[in-house]
Amino acid sequence: MFTRKPVLDALLLRRVAVNGLDTGETWFTGRFVEYDDATFVFEQCETHPGPGETAQPIKGRQYIDRIHVWPGEL
């Protein structure tokens, strides 16, 4: 049985940076809307711009396996 984690519950419905676990780099930003034991779900996502770039919207919901990323508070 999966139990909710208070740290993740505190981030629900907030805008977060989605960081890769392997490199620690920010992949994109988005609103953290759901999670379960295997997946994080984000919506209203944008690319993470590099120097001199502009963030671009990412269409639809993003479903990311939890073993690859960690949502970080902005």
Protein backbone atom coordinates (compact mmCIF):
# COMPACT_ATOMS: atom_id res chain seq x y z
CA MET A 1 0.00 0.00 0.00
CA PHE A 2 1.27 3.48 -0.91
CA THR A 3 1.24 6.19 1.74
CA ARG A 4 1.27 9.92 0.97
CA LYS A 5 4.40 11.87 1.84
CA PRO A 6 3.93 15.20 3.69
CA VAL A 7 6.89 16.79 1.85
CA LEU A 8 5.26 16.08 -1.52
CA ASP A 9 1.77 17.00 -0.31
CA ALA A 10 3.10 20.45 0.63
CA LEU A 11 4.16 20.98 -3.01
CA LEU A 12 0.84 19.93 -4.57
CA LEU A 13 -0.80 22.62 -6.72
CA ARG A 14 2.32 24.79 -6.51
CA ARG A 15 4.68 25.81 -9.27
CA VAL A 16 7.88 23.75 -9.03
CA ALA A 17 11.15 23.18 -10.83
CA VAL A 18 11.44 19.62 -12.13
CA ASN A 19 15.03 18.54 -11.46
CA GLY A 20 16.75 15.46 -12.87
CA LEU A 21 18.13 13.12 -10.22
CA ASP A 22 21.13 12.06 -12.29
CA THR A 23 22.47 15.57 -13.08
CA GLY A 24 20.58 17.86 -10.73
CA GLU A 25 19.72 20.12 -13.67
CA THR A 26 16.28 21.69 -13.98
CA TRP A 27 14.39 20.08 -16.87
CA PHE A 28 11.34 22.33 -16.83
CA THR A 29 8.94 24.17 -14.51
CA GLY A 30 5.27 23.40 -14.00
CA ARG A 31 2.39 23.07 -11.56
CA PHE A 32 2.64 19.85 -9.51
CA VAL A 33 -0.86 18.34 -9.60
CA GLU A 34 -0.68 14.63 -8.71
CA TYR A 35 1.59 11.79 -7.72
CA ASP A 36 1.45 8.12 -6.91
CA ASP A 37 4.04 5.50 -6.04
CA ALA A 38 5.49 5.55 -9.59
CA THR A 39 4.66 8.85 -11.30
CA PHE A 40 4.67 12.63 -10.85
CA VAL A 41 2.15 14.68 -12.88
CA PHE A 42 2.70 18.32 -13.90
CA GLU A 43 0.64 20.77 -15.94
CA GLN A 44 1.07 24.34 -17.23
CA CYS A 45 4.70 23.48 -17.93
CA GLU A 46 7.42 25.62 -19.51
CA THR A 47 10.95 24.84 -20.63
CA HIS A 48 13.76 25.98 -18.37
CA PRO A 49 15.53 28.68 -20.41
CA GLY A 50 19.27 29.01 -20.62
CA PRO A 51 21.07 32.35 -20.59
CA GLY A 52 19.54 34.70 -23.17
CA GLU A 53 16.65 32.33 -23.95
CA THR A 54 12.93 32.61 -23.31
CA ALA A 55 10.82 29.89 -21.63
CA GLN A 56 8.56 28.06 -24.10
CA PRO A 57 5.24 26.46 -23.09
CA ILE A 58 4.95 22.67 -23.10
CA LYS A 59 1.49 21.47 -24.17
CA GLY A 60 -0.54 19.06 -22.06
CA ARG A 61 0.20 17.22 -18.85
CA GLN A 62 3.64 15.78 -18.25
CA TYR A 63 3.87 12.33 -16.65
CA ILE A 64 7.36 11.61 -15.33
CA ASP A 65 8.59 8.46 -13.56
CA ARG A 66 9.57 9.27 -9.98
CA ILE A 67 12.92 7.50 -10.34
CA HIS A 68 14.09 10.21 -12.79
CA VAL A 69 13.11 13.56 -11.21
CA TRP A 70 12.44 15.44 -8.01
CA PRO A 71 10.13 18.49 -7.78
CA GLY A 72 11.81 21.46 -6.13
CA GLU A 73 10.05 24.48 -4.74
CA LEU A 74 10.55 27.71 -6.72
